Each structure stands twice: as C-alpha cells, then as structure tokens.
N, C-alpha and C. Protein backbone atom coordinates (compact mmCIF):
# COMPACT_ATOMS: atom_id res chain seq x y z
N MET A 1 -20.28 23.90 27.06
CA MET A 1 -19.33 23.14 26.26
C MET A 1 -18.87 21.92 27.06
N LYS A 2 -18.75 20.82 26.38
CA LYS A 2 -18.21 19.65 26.95
C LYS A 2 -16.76 19.43 26.62
N LYS A 3 -15.91 18.95 27.52
CA LYS A 3 -14.50 18.77 27.26
C LYS A 3 -14.33 17.35 26.60
N LEU A 4 -13.47 17.34 25.54
CA LEU A 4 -13.10 16.12 24.95
C LEU A 4 -11.70 15.75 25.53
N GLU A 5 -11.45 14.48 25.82
CA GLU A 5 -10.28 14.12 26.56
C GLU A 5 -9.04 13.58 25.62
N ASN A 6 -9.54 13.10 24.39
CA ASN A 6 -8.53 12.49 23.52
C ASN A 6 -8.90 12.62 22.09
N TYR A 7 -7.96 12.31 21.15
CA TYR A 7 -8.24 12.59 19.74
C TYR A 7 -9.23 11.58 19.18
N GLU A 8 -9.38 10.45 19.79
CA GLU A 8 -10.41 9.51 19.32
C GLU A 8 -11.81 10.04 19.61
N GLN A 9 -12.02 10.77 20.67
CA GLN A 9 -13.30 11.46 20.92
C GLN A 9 -13.61 12.44 19.87
N ILE A 10 -12.63 13.16 19.41
CA ILE A 10 -12.74 14.18 18.39
C ILE A 10 -13.17 13.56 17.09
N LEU A 11 -12.47 12.43 16.73
CA LEU A 11 -12.83 11.71 15.51
C LEU A 11 -14.24 11.13 15.50
N ASN A 12 -14.61 10.62 16.72
CA ASN A 12 -16.02 10.11 16.91
C ASN A 12 -17.03 11.26 16.68
N LYS A 13 -16.82 12.39 17.19
CA LYS A 13 -17.72 13.56 17.06
C LYS A 13 -17.87 13.90 15.60
N ILE A 14 -16.70 13.92 14.89
CA ILE A 14 -16.67 14.19 13.41
C ILE A 14 -17.54 13.22 12.70
N LYS A 15 -17.46 11.98 13.02
CA LYS A 15 -18.23 10.88 12.29
C LYS A 15 -19.64 10.84 12.71
N GLU A 16 -19.98 11.06 13.98
CA GLU A 16 -21.29 10.86 14.44
C GLU A 16 -22.17 12.07 14.37
N GLU A 17 -21.72 13.20 14.66
CA GLU A 17 -22.52 14.43 14.73
C GLU A 17 -22.69 15.10 13.34
N GLU A 18 -23.90 15.58 13.06
CA GLU A 18 -24.09 16.28 11.86
C GLU A 18 -23.27 17.55 11.76
N TYR A 19 -23.33 18.31 12.92
CA TYR A 19 -22.57 19.56 13.00
C TYR A 19 -22.22 19.83 14.45
N PHE A 20 -21.03 20.53 14.66
CA PHE A 20 -20.58 20.93 16.00
C PHE A 20 -19.48 21.97 15.93
N LEU A 21 -19.23 22.59 17.08
CA LEU A 21 -18.06 23.51 17.14
C LEU A 21 -17.08 22.92 18.03
N LEU A 22 -15.79 23.04 17.73
CA LEU A 22 -14.70 22.70 18.57
C LEU A 22 -13.85 23.94 18.86
N TYR A 23 -13.78 24.13 20.13
CA TYR A 23 -12.94 25.22 20.73
C TYR A 23 -11.66 24.72 21.22
N VAL A 24 -10.56 25.30 20.80
CA VAL A 24 -9.19 24.87 21.21
C VAL A 24 -8.54 25.89 22.03
N SER A 25 -8.11 25.56 23.21
CA SER A 25 -7.45 26.56 24.05
C SER A 25 -6.23 25.86 24.58
N MET A 26 -5.49 26.66 25.49
CA MET A 26 -4.24 26.22 26.06
C MET A 26 -4.20 26.72 27.48
N ASN A 27 -3.55 26.04 28.38
CA ASN A 27 -3.37 26.53 29.71
C ASN A 27 -2.60 27.84 29.67
N ASN A 28 -2.80 28.69 30.58
CA ASN A 28 -2.11 30.01 30.73
C ASN A 28 -2.29 30.91 29.46
N CYS A 29 -3.38 30.78 28.74
CA CYS A 29 -3.72 31.61 27.63
C CYS A 29 -4.86 32.56 28.03
N SER A 30 -4.47 33.82 28.31
CA SER A 30 -5.45 34.73 28.81
C SER A 30 -6.54 35.01 27.76
N VAL A 31 -6.17 35.01 26.48
CA VAL A 31 -7.21 35.32 25.44
C VAL A 31 -8.14 34.20 25.33
N CYS A 32 -7.66 32.97 25.46
CA CYS A 32 -8.50 31.75 25.50
C CYS A 32 -9.54 31.83 26.66
N GLN A 33 -9.12 32.27 27.79
CA GLN A 33 -10.01 32.30 28.93
C GLN A 33 -11.05 33.42 28.77
N VAL A 34 -10.80 34.53 28.06
CA VAL A 34 -11.69 35.62 27.86
C VAL A 34 -12.67 35.22 26.78
N ASP A 35 -12.16 34.53 25.68
CA ASP A 35 -12.98 34.20 24.57
C ASP A 35 -13.94 33.05 24.83
N MET A 36 -13.59 32.08 25.59
CA MET A 36 -14.34 30.92 25.82
C MET A 36 -15.82 31.21 26.29
N PRO A 37 -16.05 32.13 27.25
CA PRO A 37 -17.44 32.37 27.65
C PRO A 37 -18.27 33.07 26.60
N LYS A 38 -17.54 33.88 25.71
CA LYS A 38 -18.22 34.51 24.53
C LYS A 38 -18.66 33.45 23.56
N VAL A 39 -17.85 32.44 23.21
CA VAL A 39 -18.21 31.46 22.30
C VAL A 39 -19.29 30.59 22.94
N GLU A 40 -19.25 30.30 24.21
CA GLU A 40 -20.22 29.53 24.95
C GLU A 40 -21.55 30.21 24.85
N LYS A 41 -21.63 31.54 25.04
CA LYS A 41 -22.94 32.28 25.00
C LYS A 41 -23.51 32.11 23.60
N ILE A 42 -22.71 32.26 22.50
CA ILE A 42 -23.26 32.08 21.17
C ILE A 42 -23.79 30.73 20.93
N VAL A 43 -23.10 29.60 21.32
CA VAL A 43 -23.54 28.25 21.04
C VAL A 43 -24.78 27.91 21.88
N ASN A 44 -24.84 28.44 23.11
CA ASN A 44 -25.97 28.28 23.95
C ASN A 44 -27.24 28.93 23.47
N GLU A 45 -27.08 30.19 22.99
CA GLU A 45 -28.20 30.89 22.39
C GLU A 45 -28.70 30.19 21.14
N GLN A 46 -27.79 29.63 20.31
CA GLN A 46 -28.21 28.94 19.09
C GLN A 46 -28.50 27.45 19.29
N ASN A 47 -28.37 26.94 20.53
CA ASN A 47 -28.52 25.54 20.86
C ASN A 47 -27.76 24.67 19.91
N PHE A 48 -26.41 25.05 19.74
CA PHE A 48 -25.54 24.43 18.88
C PHE A 48 -24.50 23.55 19.64
N PRO A 49 -24.38 22.26 19.26
CA PRO A 49 -23.44 21.45 20.03
C PRO A 49 -22.02 21.93 19.94
N ALA A 50 -21.28 21.94 21.06
CA ALA A 50 -19.98 22.48 21.12
C ALA A 50 -19.12 21.62 22.12
N TYR A 51 -17.85 21.68 21.81
CA TYR A 51 -16.89 20.84 22.59
C TYR A 51 -15.63 21.69 22.63
N TYR A 52 -14.76 21.41 23.68
CA TYR A 52 -13.53 22.08 23.80
C TYR A 52 -12.44 21.07 24.15
N ILE A 53 -11.20 21.43 23.79
CA ILE A 53 -10.07 20.71 24.20
C ILE A 53 -8.93 21.67 24.58
N LYS A 54 -8.07 21.15 25.40
CA LYS A 54 -6.82 21.88 25.76
C LYS A 54 -5.71 21.36 24.83
N ALA A 55 -5.10 22.15 23.98
CA ALA A 55 -4.15 21.63 23.00
C ALA A 55 -2.97 20.90 23.67
N SER A 56 -2.59 21.41 24.79
CA SER A 56 -1.35 20.77 25.47
C SER A 56 -1.71 19.34 25.98
N GLU A 57 -2.92 19.02 26.15
CA GLU A 57 -3.44 17.68 26.66
C GLU A 57 -3.59 16.64 25.53
N ILE A 58 -3.75 17.14 24.26
CA ILE A 58 -3.97 16.18 23.14
C ILE A 58 -3.08 16.64 22.02
N PRO A 59 -1.76 16.31 22.18
CA PRO A 59 -0.79 16.68 21.12
C PRO A 59 -1.12 16.12 19.66
N GLU A 60 -1.65 14.97 19.71
CA GLU A 60 -2.07 14.37 18.35
C GLU A 60 -3.05 15.27 17.59
N ALA A 61 -3.92 15.84 18.38
CA ALA A 61 -4.94 16.79 17.68
C ALA A 61 -4.25 18.03 17.11
N VAL A 62 -3.23 18.43 17.81
CA VAL A 62 -2.45 19.66 17.37
C VAL A 62 -1.93 19.43 15.94
N GLY A 63 -1.33 18.29 15.74
CA GLY A 63 -0.79 17.91 14.43
C GLY A 63 -1.89 17.59 13.39
N GLN A 64 -2.80 16.76 13.79
CA GLN A 64 -3.82 16.35 12.83
C GLN A 64 -4.74 17.44 12.33
N LEU A 65 -5.02 18.36 13.25
CA LEU A 65 -5.96 19.40 12.96
C LEU A 65 -5.19 20.73 12.58
N SER A 66 -3.88 20.63 12.44
CA SER A 66 -3.07 21.85 12.05
C SER A 66 -3.32 23.03 12.96
N LEU A 67 -3.18 22.90 14.20
CA LEU A 67 -3.39 23.90 15.23
C LEU A 67 -2.10 24.65 15.51
N PHE A 68 -1.96 25.86 14.99
CA PHE A 68 -0.71 26.55 15.11
C PHE A 68 -0.62 27.72 16.13
N SER A 69 -1.89 27.97 16.57
CA SER A 69 -1.99 29.08 17.63
C SER A 69 -3.28 28.84 18.34
N VAL A 70 -3.55 29.51 19.44
CA VAL A 70 -4.76 29.44 20.20
C VAL A 70 -5.24 30.82 20.49
N PRO A 71 -6.50 31.04 20.72
CA PRO A 71 -7.62 30.15 20.61
C PRO A 71 -8.01 29.84 19.21
N VAL A 72 -8.57 28.70 18.96
CA VAL A 72 -9.08 28.28 17.65
C VAL A 72 -10.54 27.80 17.77
N VAL A 73 -11.32 28.25 16.82
CA VAL A 73 -12.69 27.79 16.80
C VAL A 73 -12.90 27.07 15.41
N ILE A 74 -13.35 25.82 15.38
CA ILE A 74 -13.58 25.08 14.15
C ILE A 74 -15.04 24.63 14.12
N LEU A 75 -15.68 24.94 12.95
CA LEU A 75 -16.98 24.41 12.79
C LEU A 75 -16.90 23.19 11.83
N PHE A 76 -17.49 22.12 12.31
CA PHE A 76 -17.62 20.87 11.39
C PHE A 76 -19.06 20.76 10.98
N TYR A 77 -19.19 20.32 9.80
CA TYR A 77 -20.58 19.98 9.20
C TYR A 77 -20.49 18.80 8.32
N GLU A 78 -21.22 17.75 8.65
CA GLU A 78 -21.31 16.55 7.86
C GLU A 78 -19.80 15.95 7.71
N GLY A 79 -19.16 16.00 8.71
CA GLY A 79 -17.86 15.31 8.71
C GLY A 79 -16.68 16.15 8.20
N ARG A 80 -16.90 17.35 7.89
CA ARG A 80 -15.86 18.12 7.24
C ARG A 80 -15.80 19.49 8.02
N GLU A 81 -14.52 20.03 8.00
CA GLU A 81 -14.31 21.40 8.56
C GLU A 81 -14.79 22.33 7.52
N ILE A 82 -15.77 23.26 7.99
CA ILE A 82 -16.19 24.23 7.07
C ILE A 82 -15.93 25.68 7.45
N HIS A 83 -15.37 25.89 8.64
CA HIS A 83 -15.05 27.29 9.02
C HIS A 83 -14.05 27.19 10.19
N ARG A 84 -13.03 28.10 10.18
CA ARG A 84 -11.99 28.12 11.22
C ARG A 84 -11.63 29.60 11.48
N GLN A 85 -11.49 29.90 12.74
CA GLN A 85 -10.91 31.20 13.10
C GLN A 85 -9.90 30.90 14.19
N ALA A 86 -8.79 31.57 14.11
CA ALA A 86 -7.65 31.43 15.01
C ALA A 86 -7.11 32.75 15.51
N LYS A 87 -6.73 32.72 16.74
CA LYS A 87 -6.14 33.86 17.44
C LYS A 87 -7.13 34.98 17.68
N ILE A 88 -7.54 35.71 16.69
CA ILE A 88 -8.58 36.71 16.79
C ILE A 88 -9.94 36.19 16.26
N ILE A 89 -10.85 35.98 17.20
CA ILE A 89 -12.15 35.47 16.82
C ILE A 89 -13.14 36.59 16.57
N ASP A 90 -13.69 36.56 15.38
CA ASP A 90 -14.75 37.50 14.99
C ASP A 90 -16.11 36.89 15.38
N PHE A 91 -16.61 37.31 16.57
CA PHE A 91 -17.86 36.66 17.04
C PHE A 91 -19.11 36.87 16.24
N GLY A 92 -19.20 38.04 15.51
CA GLY A 92 -20.29 38.22 14.62
C GLY A 92 -20.24 37.31 13.44
N GLU A 93 -19.03 37.09 12.89
CA GLU A 93 -18.79 36.10 11.87
C GLU A 93 -19.11 34.64 12.32
N LEU A 94 -18.62 34.36 13.51
CA LEU A 94 -18.93 33.00 14.04
C LEU A 94 -20.44 32.81 14.16
N ASN A 95 -21.25 33.70 14.68
CA ASN A 95 -22.65 33.64 14.95
C ASN A 95 -23.32 33.48 13.51
N TYR A 96 -22.82 34.17 12.53
CA TYR A 96 -23.35 34.11 11.23
C TYR A 96 -23.24 32.72 10.64
N ARG A 97 -21.94 32.20 10.74
CA ARG A 97 -21.68 30.85 10.21
C ARG A 97 -22.52 29.80 10.91
N ILE A 98 -22.75 29.88 12.15
CA ILE A 98 -23.51 28.96 12.99
C ILE A 98 -24.98 29.06 12.43
N GLU A 99 -25.54 30.21 12.19
CA GLU A 99 -26.89 30.35 11.65
C GLU A 99 -26.95 29.79 10.28
N GLN A 100 -25.98 29.89 9.49
CA GLN A 100 -25.95 29.28 8.13
C GLN A 100 -26.16 27.72 8.23
N ILE A 101 -25.46 27.16 9.17
CA ILE A 101 -25.48 25.70 9.37
C ILE A 101 -26.89 25.29 9.86
N ILE A 102 -27.44 26.05 10.85
CA ILE A 102 -28.74 25.67 11.41
C ILE A 102 -29.84 25.92 10.32
C-alpha cells in the first residue's frame, strides 16, 4: 500500500482510478497496526490498488470522509464510496467485496 500525504491526493485517486481501497489508521493505534498487514495481504493477493493515510496527518480527510474511528477501510468504485468498515474489520467480507469489484 502506498501512503497518501494530503487530501488532494485522495481526491485525485477518486477521480482518476476506476477502483481502489483506502485504509485509514492513526498513530499509537494497536488495532490499526495489526489490521494493516491483513488488509495488505488481501489487496496483494487480489492485485487490487490500495492506499493508506494517517488520520492525524490529514485532518481535512477526517471531516470530508466522515472518519469517526480507526481503523477504517473504504472501497471506492467509479468515483464513489461503495463499502466501508470501521473499527472491527471483517476480512472475509472485505475480500468478498473486492472480488465483486474485480
């Protein structure tokens, strides 16, 4: 997963890419650190484009994307959010949703 540094990069990905996953974490979040490799494994196996951000580094994204807790996984397809999981990520469901997009 590649790190996005600002909100403009997120908007560009939404406009430019047909589909992708956005993983949102926070510093000092132990669940985020445990879940990120699991999400990475799924996207790598599916060859699915994925990016991550640290919510504390991009406060504009927190408000614009309605991020109330972390970790958050958001799937975008054709410029729209089509699936979101927050706090407790169901990896089986996430894999299923990615397969639906592909």
